[in-house]
Amino acid sequence: MSKNLLYVGLDVHAQTVAIAIAEPGGEVRNYGAVSSCVQTLERTMRKIRKAHGDPELRVCYEAGPTGFVIARRFAQLGIDCTVVAPSLIPNRSGDRAKTD
């Protein structure tokens, strides 16, 4: 029997990381923001996993100046983490680029 999947999106900034969760049924919700400290992210991933019945996590975040520290640590923990290049994210014609 295969495990449930839980998709986790991270919006990584220098001081904080905003987390969103997409459940298999299609519901997407904001989990909240946590410190960008790697240990804090590890604890948060454990909490998310425990709260949802120990699913397999699929995590992604946008490549940026914060580097690949999170992806490397998640790989060590056995969490599937993808770092997405902003230039490869598809967008519709006419969509304005958000810059924050």
PDB file of N, CA and C in Angstrom:
ATOM      1  N   MET A   1       0.843  -1.183   0.000  1.00  0.00           N
ATOM      2  CA  MET A   1       0.000   0.000   0.000  1.00  0.00           C
ATOM      3  C   MET A   1       0.882   1.237   0.000  1.00  0.00           C
ATOM      4  N   SER A   2       0.662   2.161  -0.916  1.00  0.00           N
ATOM      5  CA  SER A   2       1.478   3.363  -0.991  1.00  0.00           C
ATOM      6  C   SER A   2       1.024   4.388   0.046  1.00  0.00           C
ATOM      7  N   LYS A   3       1.976   5.200   0.460  1.00  0.00           N
ATOM      8  CA  LYS A   3       1.673   6.230   1.442  1.00  0.00           C
ATOM      9  C   LYS A   3       0.936   7.390   0.788  1.00  0.00           C
ATOM     10  N   ASN A   4       0.246   8.145   1.601  1.00  0.00           N
ATOM     11  CA  ASN A   4      -0.367   9.389   1.130  1.00  0.00           C
ATOM     12  C   ASN A   4       0.734  10.374   0.772  1.00  0.00           C
ATOM     13  N   LEU A   5       0.425  11.254  -0.135  1.00  0.00           N
ATOM     14  CA  LEU A   5       1.342  12.330  -0.484  1.00  0.00           C
ATOM     15  C   LEU A   5       0.815  13.637   0.067  1.00  0.00           C
ATOM     16  N   LEU A   6       1.722  14.481   0.498  1.00  0.00           N
ATOM     17  CA  LEU A   6       1.367  15.813   0.962  1.00  0.00           C
ATOM     18  C   LEU A   6       2.365  16.776   0.336  1.00  0.00           C
ATOM     19  N   TYR A   7       1.847  17.747  -0.400  1.00  0.00           N
ATOM     20  CA  TYR A   7       2.698  18.707  -1.085  1.00  0.00           C
ATOM     21  C   TYR A   7       2.862  19.945  -0.220  1.00  0.00           C
ATOM     22  N   VAL A   8       4.106  20.377  -0.057  1.00  0.00           N
ATOM     23  CA  VAL A   8       4.422  21.532   0.788  1.00  0.00           C
ATOM     24  C   VAL A   8       5.206  22.534  -0.050  1.00  0.00           C
ATOM     25  N   GLY A   9       4.707  23.767  -0.107  1.00  0.00           N
ATOM     26  CA  GLY A   9       5.396  24.839  -0.810  1.00  0.00           C
ATOM     27  C   GLY A   9       5.987  25.811   0.184  1.00  0.00           C
ATOM     28  N   LEU A  10       7.219  26.204  -0.064  1.00  0.00           N
ATOM     29  CA  LEU A  10       7.905  27.140   0.819  1.00  0.00           C
ATOM     30  C   LEU A  10       8.194  28.432   0.076  1.00  0.00           C
ATOM     31  N   ASP A  11       7.944  29.551   0.724  1.00  0.00           N
ATOM     32  CA  ASP A  11       8.336  30.860   0.211  1.00  0.00           C
ATOM     33  C   ASP A  11       9.461  31.337   1.124  1.00  0.00           C
ATOM     34  N   VAL A  12      10.695  31.125   0.676  1.00  0.00           N
ATOM     35  CA  VAL A  12      11.870  31.322   1.518  1.00  0.00           C
ATOM     36  C   VAL A  12      12.383  32.751   1.407  1.00  0.00           C
ATOM     37  N   HIS A  13      12.543  33.375   2.563  1.00  0.00           N
ATOM     38  CA  HIS A  13      13.140  34.702   2.669  1.00  0.00           C
ATOM     39  C   HIS A  13      14.292  34.618   3.664  1.00  0.00           C
ATOM     40  N   ALA A  14      15.040  35.678   3.835  1.00  0.00           N
ATOM     41  CA  ALA A  14      16.216  35.656   4.702  1.00  0.00           C
ATOM     42  C   ALA A  14      15.862  35.315   6.156  1.00  0.00           C
ATOM     43  N   GLN A  15      14.773  35.875   6.682  1.00  0.00           N
ATOM     44  CA  GLN A  15      14.433  35.688   8.090  1.00  0.00           C
ATOM     45  C   GLN A  15      13.290  34.700   8.330  1.00  0.00           C
ATOM     46  N   THR A  16      12.389  34.565   7.373  1.00  0.00           N
ATOM     47  CA  THR A  16      11.216  33.715   7.565  1.00  0.00           C
ATOM     48  C   THR A  16      10.961  32.835   6.347  1.00  0.00           C
ATOM     49  N   VAL A  17      10.160  31.810   6.576  1.00  0.00           N
ATOM     50  CA  VAL A  17       9.707  30.925   5.512  1.00  0.00           C
ATOM     51  C   VAL A  17       8.197  30.779   5.655  1.00  0.00           C
ATOM     52  N   ALA A  18       7.454  31.167   4.622  1.00  0.00           N
ATOM     53  CA  ALA A  18       6.003  30.966   4.604  1.00  0.00           C
ATOM     54  C   ALA A  18       5.737  29.579   4.041  1.00  0.00           C
ATOM     55  N   ILE A  19       4.806  28.844   4.660  1.00  0.00           N
ATOM     56  CA  ILE A  19       4.538  27.465   4.277  1.00  0.00           C
ATOM     57  C   ILE A  19       3.088  27.318   3.847  1.00  0.00           C
ATOM     58  N   ALA A  20       2.884  26.647   2.719  1.00  0.00           N
ATOM     59  CA  ALA A  20       1.549  26.308   2.225  1.00  0.00           C
ATOM     60  C   ALA A  20       1.498  24.798   2.017  1.00  0.00           C
ATOM     61  N   ILE A  21       0.342  24.206   2.285  1.00  0.00           N
ATOM     62  CA  ILE A  21       0.162  22.762   2.159  1.00  0.00           C
ATOM     63  C   ILE A  21      -0.949  22.489   1.164  1.00  0.00           C
ATOM     64  N   ALA A  22      -0.684  21.567   0.238  1.00  0.00           N
ATOM     65  CA  ALA A  22      -1.693  21.127  -0.724  1.00  0.00           C
ATOM     66  C   ALA A  22      -1.986  19.656  -0.448  1.00  0.00           C
ATOM     67  N   GLU A  23      -3.213  19.376  -0.093  1.00  0.00           N
ATOM     68  CA  GLU A  23      -3.600  18.002   0.202  1.00  0.00           C
ATOM     69  C   GLU A  23      -3.999  17.284  -1.080  1.00  0.00           C
ATOM     70  N   PRO A  24      -3.963  15.953  -1.090  1.00  0.00           N
ATOM     71  CA  PRO A  24      -4.286  15.204  -2.306  1.00  0.00           C
ATOM     72  C   PRO A  24      -5.663  15.520  -2.887  1.00  0.00           C
ATOM     73  N   GLY A  25      -6.618  15.880  -2.077  1.00  0.00           N
ATOM     74  CA  GLY A  25      -7.952  16.207  -2.554  1.00  0.00           C
ATOM     75  C   GLY A  25      -8.026  17.538  -3.274  1.00  0.00           C
ATOM     76  N   GLY A  26      -6.945  18.323  -3.223  1.00  0.00           N
ATOM     77  CA  GLY A  26      -6.922  19.584  -3.936  1.00  0.00           C
ATOM     78  C   GLY A  26      -6.991  20.803  -3.042  1.00  0.00           C
ATOM     79  N   GLU A  27      -7.269  20.624  -1.760  1.00  0.00           N
ATOM     80  CA  GLU A  27      -7.349  21.777  -0.860  1.00  0.00           C
ATOM     81  C   GLU A  27      -5.955  22.323  -0.576  1.00  0.00           C
ATOM     82  N   VAL A  28      -5.784  23.621  -0.795  1.00  0.00           N
ATOM     83  CA  VAL A  28      -4.513  24.289  -0.516  1.00  0.00           C
ATOM     84  C   VAL A  28      -4.757  25.287   0.599  1.00  0.00           C
ATOM     85  N   ARG A  29      -3.881  25.255   1.603  1.00  0.00           N
ATOM     86  CA  ARG A  29      -4.072  26.193   2.706  1.00  0.00           C
ATOM     87  C   ARG A  29      -2.735  26.702   3.213  1.00  0.00           C
ATOM     88  N   ASN A  30      -2.785  27.867   3.797  1.00  0.00           N
ATOM     89  CA  ASN A  30      -1.601  28.488   4.379  1.00  0.00           C
ATOM     90  C   ASN A  30      -1.345  27.852   5.736  1.00  0.00           C
ATOM     91  N   TYR A  31      -0.150  27.356   5.952  1.00  0.00           N
ATOM     92  CA  TYR A  31       0.199  26.767   7.243  1.00  0.00           C
ATOM     93  C   TYR A  31       0.701  27.837   8.205  1.00  0.00           C
ATOM     94  N   GLY A  32       1.393  28.837   7.659  1.00  0.00           N
ATOM     95  CA  GLY A  32       1.920  29.911   8.486  1.00  0.00           C
ATOM     96  C   GLY A  32       3.363  30.202   8.141  1.00  0.00           C
ATOM     97  N   ALA A  33       3.973  31.068   8.903  1.00  0.00           N
ATOM     98  CA  ALA A  33       5.374  31.438   8.688  1.00  0.00           C
ATOM     99  C   ALA A  33       6.199  31.009   9.895  1.00  0.00           C
ATOM    100  N   VAL A  34       7.409  30.545   9.605  1.00  0.00           N
ATOM    101  CA  VAL A  34       8.339  30.144  10.662  1.00  0.00           C
ATOM    102  C   VAL A  34       9.692  30.781  10.379  1.00  0.00           C
ATOM    103  N   SER A  35      10.580  30.673  11.330  1.00  0.00           N
ATOM    104  CA  SER A  35      11.936  31.169  11.160  1.00  0.00           C
ATOM    105  C   SER A  35      12.632  30.384  10.054  1.00  0.00           C
ATOM    106  N   SER A  36      13.569  31.009   9.372  1.00  0.00           N
ATOM    107  CA  SER A  36      14.278  30.314   8.302  1.00  0.00           C
ATOM    108  C   SER A  36      15.410  29.425   8.818  1.00  0.00           C
ATOM    109  N   CYS A  37      15.540  29.312  10.108  1.00  0.00           N
ATOM    110  CA  CYS A  37      16.531  28.426  10.714  1.00  0.00           C
ATOM    111  C   CYS A  37      16.232  26.974  10.296  1.00  0.00           C
ATOM    112  N   VAL A  38      17.244  26.250   9.864  1.00  0.00           N
ATOM    113  CA  VAL A  38      17.054  24.889   9.356  1.00  0.00           C
ATOM    114  C   VAL A  38      16.458  23.976  10.426  1.00  0.00           C
ATOM    115  N   GLN A  39      16.873  24.127  11.676  1.00  0.00           N
ATOM    116  CA  GLN A  39      16.339  23.286  12.756  1.00  0.00           C
ATOM    117  C   GLN A  39      14.844  23.545  12.954  1.00  0.00           C
ATOM    118  N   THR A  40      14.435  24.802  12.829  1.00  0.00           N
ATOM    119  CA  THR A  40      13.017  25.138  12.949  1.00  0.00           C
ATOM    120  C   THR A  40      12.225  24.508  11.810  1.00  0.00           C
ATOM    121  N   LEU A  41      12.765  24.543  10.599  1.00  0.00           N
ATOM    122  CA  LEU A  41      12.095  23.910   9.464  1.00  0.00           C
ATOM    123  C   LEU A  41      11.980  22.396   9.646  1.00  0.00           C
ATOM    124  N   GLU A  42      13.018  21.773  10.190  1.00  0.00           N
ATOM    125  CA  GLU A  42      12.968  20.331  10.467  1.00  0.00           C
ATOM    126  C   GLU A  42      11.836  20.006  11.436  1.00  0.00           C
ATOM    127  N   ARG A  43      11.765  20.764  12.525  1.00  0.00           N
ATOM    128  CA  ARG A  43      10.696  20.543  13.516  1.00  0.00           C
ATOM    129  C   ARG A  43       9.328  20.742  12.892  1.00  0.00           C
ATOM    130  N   THR A  44       9.194  21.775  12.069  1.00  0.00           N
ATOM    131  CA  THR A  44       7.918  22.056  11.420  1.00  0.00           C
ATOM    132  C   THR A  44       7.523  20.925  10.478  1.00  0.00           C
ATOM    133  N   MET A  45       8.458  20.391   9.719  1.00  0.00           N
ATOM    134  CA  MET A  45       8.151  19.270   8.812  1.00  0.00           C
ATOM    135  C   MET A  45       7.722  18.034   9.606  1.00  0.00           C
ATOM    136  N   ARG A  46       8.361  17.801  10.749  1.00  0.00           N
ATOM    137  CA  ARG A  46       7.949  16.671  11.616  1.00  0.00           C
ATOM    138  C   ARG A  46       6.520  16.878  12.125  1.00  0.00           C
ATOM    139  N   LYS A  47       6.194  18.123  12.535  1.00  0.00           N
ATOM    140  CA  LYS A  47       4.837  18.427  13.010  1.00  0.00           C
ATOM    141  C   LYS A  47       3.810  18.223  11.905  1.00  0.00           C
ATOM    142  N   ILE A  48       4.123  18.709  10.711  1.00  0.00           N
ATOM    143  CA  ILE A  48       3.211  18.565   9.580  1.00  0.00           C
ATOM    144  C   ILE A  48       2.999  17.087   9.272  1.00  0.00           C
ATOM    145  N   ARG A  49       4.079  16.343   9.235  1.00  0.00           N
ATOM    146  CA  ARG A  49       3.991  14.913   8.941  1.00  0.00           C
ATOM    147  C   ARG A  49       3.151  14.182   9.997  1.00  0.00           C
ATOM    148  N   LYS A  50       3.377  14.493  11.259  1.00  0.00           N
ATOM    149  CA  LYS A  50       2.641  13.841  12.343  1.00  0.00           C
ATOM    150  C   LYS A  50       1.154  14.205  12.311  1.00  0.00           C
ATOM    151  N   ALA A  51       0.848  15.466  12.029  1.00  0.00           N
ATOM    152  CA  ALA A  51      -0.539  15.934  12.027  1.00  0.00           C
ATOM    153  C   ALA A  51      -1.357  15.347  10.884  1.00  0.00           C
ATOM    154  N   HIS A  52      -0.694  14.889   9.824  1.00  0.00           N
ATOM    155  CA  HIS A  52      -1.403  14.372   8.652  1.00  0.00           C
ATOM    156  C   HIS A  52      -1.261  12.863   8.490  1.00  0.00           C
ATOM    157  N   GLY A  53      -0.882  12.164   9.539  1.00  0.00           N
ATOM    158  CA  GLY A  53      -0.830  10.707   9.479  1.00  0.00           C
ATOM    159  C   GLY A  53       0.412  10.157   8.796  1.00  0.00           C
ATOM    160  N   ASP A  54       1.547  10.820   8.933  1.00  0.00           N
ATOM    161  CA  ASP A  54       2.833  10.384   8.405  1.00  0.00           C
ATOM    162  C   ASP A  54       2.843  10.160   6.897  1.00  0.00           C
ATOM    163  N   PRO A  55       2.436  11.175   6.114  1.00  0.00           N
ATOM    164  CA  PRO A  55       2.474  11.033   4.656  1.00  0.00           C
ATOM    165  C   PRO A  55       3.886  11.233   4.114  1.00  0.00           C
ATOM    166  N   GLU A  56       4.068  10.894   2.865  1.00  0.00           N
ATOM    167  CA  GLU A  56       5.317  11.211   2.183  1.00  0.00           C
ATOM    168  C   GLU A  56       5.234  12.680   1.782  1.00  0.00           C
ATOM    169  N   LEU A  57       6.243  13.472   2.154  1.00  0.00           N
ATOM    170  CA  LEU A  57       6.245  14.897   1.856  1.00  0.00           C
ATOM    171  C   LEU A  57       6.946  15.168   0.533  1.00  0.00           C
ATOM    172  N   ARG A  58       6.371  16.049  -0.255  1.00  0.00           N
ATOM    173  CA  ARG A  58       6.992  16.564  -1.475  1.00  0.00           C
ATOM    174  C   ARG A  58       7.074  18.081  -1.294  1.00  0.00           C
ATOM    175  N   VAL A  59       8.287  18.583  -1.142  1.00  0.00           N
ATOM    176  CA  VAL A  59       8.506  19.990  -0.829  1.00  0.00           C
ATOM    177  C   VAL A  59       9.143  20.690  -2.030  1.00  0.00           C
ATOM    178  N   CYS A  60       8.764  21.942  -2.263  1.00  0.00           N
ATOM    179  CA  CYS A  60       9.434  22.729  -3.291  1.00  0.00           C
ATOM    180  C   CYS A  60       9.533  24.178  -2.838  1.00  0.00           C
ATOM    181  N   TYR A  61      10.556  24.837  -3.358  1.00  0.00           N
ATOM    182  CA  TYR A  61      10.686  26.271  -3.147  1.00  0.00           C
ATOM    183  C   TYR A  61      11.449  26.879  -4.309  1.00  0.00           C
ATOM    184  N   GLU A  62      11.315  28.195  -4.446  1.00  0.00           N
ATOM    185  CA  GLU A  62      11.907  28.920  -5.550  1.00  0.00           C
ATOM    186  C   GLU A  62      13.378  29.211  -5.264  1.00  0.00           C
ATOM    187  N   ALA A  63      14.234  28.956  -6.248  1.00  0.00           N
ATOM    188  CA  ALA A  63      15.654  29.247  -6.101  1.00  0.00           C
ATOM    189  C   ALA A  63      15.844  30.744  -5.899  1.00  0.00           C
ATOM    190  N   GLY A  64      16.801  31.082  -5.078  1.00  0.00           N
ATOM    191  CA  GLY A  64      17.044  32.493  -4.805  1.00  0.00           C
ATOM    192  C   GLY A  64      18.348  32.681  -4.061  1.00  0.00           C
ATOM    193  N   PRO A  65      18.549  33.844  -3.490  1.00  0.00           N
ATOM    194  CA  PRO A  65      19.811  34.147  -2.829  1.00  0.00           C
ATOM    195  C   PRO A  65      20.036  33.372  -1.525  1.00  0.00           C
ATOM    196  N   THR A  66      19.003  32.684  -1.030  1.00  0.00           N
ATOM    197  CA  THR A  66      19.167  31.927   0.214  1.00  0.00           C
ATOM    198  C   THR A  66      19.899  30.609  -0.007  1.00  0.00           C
ATOM    199  N   GLY A  67      20.105  30.205  -1.251  1.00  0.00           N
ATOM    200  CA  GLY A  67      20.911  29.029  -1.550  1.00  0.00           C
ATOM    201  C   GLY A  67      20.159  27.712  -1.439  1.00  0.00           C
ATOM    202  N   PHE A  68      20.931  26.641  -1.318  1.00  0.00           N
ATOM    203  CA  PHE A  68      20.391  25.282  -1.336  1.00  0.00           C
ATOM    204  C   PHE A  68      20.519  24.573   0.009  1.00  0.00           C
ATOM    205  N   VAL A  69      20.729  25.323   1.071  1.00  0.00           N
ATOM    206  CA  VAL A  69      20.902  24.728   2.401  1.00  0.00           C
ATOM    207  C   VAL A  69      19.689  23.891   2.793  1.00  0.00           C
ATOM    208  N   ILE A  70      18.507  24.410   2.556  1.00  0.00           N
ATOM    209  CA  ILE A  70      17.281  23.702   2.923  1.00  0.00           C
ATOM    210  C   ILE A  70      17.152  22.413   2.119  1.00  0.00           C
ATOM    211  N   ALA A  71      17.374  22.484   0.825  1.00  0.00           N
ATOM    212  CA  ALA A  71      17.257  21.303  -0.032  1.00  0.00           C
ATOM    213  C   ALA A  71      18.260  20.232   0.378  1.00  0.00           C
ATOM    214  N   ARG A  72      19.476  20.628   0.677  1.00  0.00           N
ATOM    215  CA  ARG A  72      20.495  19.653   1.093  1.00  0.00           C
ATOM    216  C   ARG A  72      20.117  18.981   2.410  1.00  0.00           C
ATOM    217  N   ARG A  73      19.621  19.759   3.362  1.00  0.00           N
ATOM    218  CA  ARG A  73      19.245  19.181   4.662  1.00  0.00           C
ATOM    219  C   ARG A  73      18.043  18.256   4.521  1.00  0.00           C
ATOM    220  N   PHE A  74      17.054  18.668   3.726  1.00  0.00           N
ATOM    221  CA  PHE A  74      15.894  17.813   3.511  1.00  0.00           C
ATOM    222  C   PHE A  74      16.300  16.513   2.830  1.00  0.00           C
ATOM    223  N   ALA A  75      17.262  16.568   1.911  1.00  0.00           N
ATOM    224  CA  ALA A  75      17.753  15.352   1.254  1.00  0.00           C
ATOM    225  C   ALA A  75      18.374  14.409   2.286  1.00  0.00           C
ATOM    226  N   GLN A  76      19.105  14.954   3.249  1.00  0.00           N
ATOM    227  CA  GLN A  76      19.692  14.141   4.314  1.00  0.00           C
ATOM    228  C   GLN A  76      18.614  13.481   5.168  1.00  0.00           C
ATOM    229  N   LEU A  77      17.481  14.167   5.323  1.00  0.00           N
ATOM    230  CA  LEU A  77      16.385  13.647   6.132  1.00  0.00           C
ATOM    231  C   LEU A  77      15.454  12.729   5.341  1.00  0.00           C
ATOM    232  N   GLY A  78      15.692  12.592   4.050  1.00  0.00           N
ATOM    233  CA  GLY A  78      14.849  11.733   3.224  1.00  0.00           C
ATOM    234  C   GLY A  78      13.568  12.399   2.760  1.00  0.00           C
ATOM    235  N   ILE A  79      13.530  13.731   2.780  1.00  0.00           N
ATOM    236  CA  ILE A  79      12.364  14.482   2.308  1.00  0.00           C
ATOM    237  C   ILE A  79      12.632  14.910   0.875  1.00  0.00           C
ATOM    238  N   ASP A  80      11.711  14.574  -0.018  1.00  0.00           N
ATOM    239  CA  ASP A  80      11.846  14.944  -1.424  1.00  0.00           C
ATOM    240  C   ASP A  80      11.660  16.452  -1.561  1.00  0.00           C
ATOM    241  N   CYS A  81      12.727  17.154  -1.963  1.00  0.00           N
ATOM    242  CA  CYS A  81      12.681  18.614  -2.068  1.00  0.00           C
ATOM    243  C   CYS A  81      13.191  19.043  -3.433  1.00  0.00           C
ATOM    244  N   THR A  82      12.404  19.857  -4.109  1.00  0.00           N
ATOM    245  CA  THR A  82      12.763  20.373  -5.425  1.00  0.00           C
ATOM    246  C   THR A  82      12.940  21.881  -5.337  1.00  0.00           C
ATOM    247  N   VAL A  83      14.046  22.358  -5.894  1.00  0.00           N
ATOM    248  CA  VAL A  83      14.287  23.792  -5.976  1.00  0.00           C
ATOM    249  C   VAL A  83      13.970  24.201  -7.407  1.00  0.00           C
ATOM    250  N   VAL A  84      13.034  25.122  -7.559  1.00  0.00           N
ATOM    251  CA  VAL A  84      12.523  25.499  -8.869  1.00  0.00           C
ATOM    252  C   VAL A  84      13.168  26.803  -9.329  1.00  0.00           C
ATOM    253  N   ALA A  85      13.658  26.806 -10.566  1.00  0.00           N
ATOM    254  CA  ALA A  85      14.232  28.019 -11.141  1.00  0.00           C
ATOM    255  C   ALA A  85      13.097  28.964 -11.534  1.00  0.00           C
ATOM    256  N   PRO A  86      13.131  30.217 -11.095  1.00  0.00           N
ATOM    257  CA  PRO A  86      12.044  31.151 -11.406  1.00  0.00           C
ATOM    258  C   PRO A  86      11.793  31.304 -12.906  1.00  0.00           C
ATOM    259  N   SER A  87      12.842  31.229 -13.701  1.00  0.00           N
ATOM    260  CA  SER A  87      12.675  31.399 -15.144  1.00  0.00           C
ATOM    261  C   SER A  87      11.947  30.228 -15.793  1.00  0.00           C
ATOM    262  N   LEU A  88      11.864  29.087 -15.107  1.00  0.00           N
ATOM    263  CA  LEU A  88      11.201  27.910 -15.667  1.00  0.00           C
ATOM    264  C   LEU A  88       9.766  27.733 -15.180  1.00  0.00           C
ATOM    265  N   ILE A  89       9.290  28.650 -14.333  1.00  0.00           N
ATOM    266  CA  ILE A  89       7.919  28.573 -13.852  1.00  0.00           C
ATOM    267  C   ILE A  89       7.000  29.090 -14.946  1.00  0.00           C
ATOM    268  N   PRO A  90       6.073  28.274 -15.436  1.00  0.00           N
ATOM    269  CA  PRO A  90       5.215  28.729 -16.534  1.00  0.00           C
ATOM    270  C   PRO A  90       4.269  29.839 -16.086  1.00  0.00           C
ATOM    271  N   ASN A  91       4.011  30.774 -16.995  1.00  0.00           N
ATOM    272  CA  ASN A  91       3.027  31.814 -16.712  1.00  0.00           C
ATOM    273  C   ASN A  91       2.256  32.116 -17.993  1.00  0.00           C
ATOM    274  N   ARG A  92       1.045  32.572 -17.819  1.00  0.00           N
ATOM    275  CA  ARG A  92       0.188  32.898 -18.963  1.00  0.00           C
ATOM    276  C   ARG A  92       0.635  34.203 -19.601  1.00  0.00           C
ATOM    277  N   SER A  93       0.351  34.316 -20.862  1.00  0.00           N
ATOM    278  CA  SER A  93       0.656  35.543 -21.583  1.00  0.00           C
ATOM    279  C   SER A  93      -0.119  36.697 -20.949  1.00  0.00           C
ATOM    280  N   GLY A  94       0.550  37.787 -20.704  1.00  0.00           N
ATOM    281  CA  GLY A  94      -0.106  38.951 -20.121  1.00  0.00           C
ATOM    282  C   GLY A  94      -0.028  39.011 -18.611  1.00  0.00           C
ATOM    283  N   ASP A  95       0.389  37.903 -17.940  1.00  0.00           N
ATOM    284  CA  ASP A  95       0.517  37.940 -16.486  1.00  0.00           C
ATOM    285  C   ASP A  95       1.688  38.859 -16.126  1.00  0.00           C
ATOM    286  N   ARG A  96       1.452  39.673 -15.140  1.00  0.00           N
ATOM    287  CA  ARG A  96       2.488  40.600 -14.704  1.00  0.00           C
ATOM    288  C   ARG A  96       3.405  39.894 -13.723  1.00  0.00           C
ATOM    289  N   ALA A  97       4.687  40.192 -13.781  1.00  0.00           N
ATOM    290  CA  ALA A  97       5.671  39.597 -12.881  1.00  0.00           C
ATOM    291  C   ALA A  97       5.586  40.270 -11.520  1.00  0.00           C
ATOM    292  N   LYS A  98       5.383  39.479 -10.478  1.00  0.00           N
ATOM    293  CA  LYS A  98       5.317  40.003  -9.112  1.00  0.00           C
ATOM    294  C   LYS A  98       6.734  40.110  -8.585  1.00  0.00           C
ATOM    295  N   THR A  99       7.085  41.245  -8.072  1.00  0.00           N
ATOM    296  CA  THR A  99       8.405  41.410  -7.460  1.00  0.00           C
ATOM    297  C   THR A  99       8.203  41.883  -6.032  1.00  0.00           C
ATOM    298  N   ASP A 100       8.730  41.137  -5.097  1.00  0.00           N
ATOM    299  CA  ASP A 100       8.665  41.576  -3.699  1.00  0.00           C
ATOM    300  C   ASP A 100      10.009  41.525  -3.130  1.00  0.00           C
TER     301      ASP A 100
END
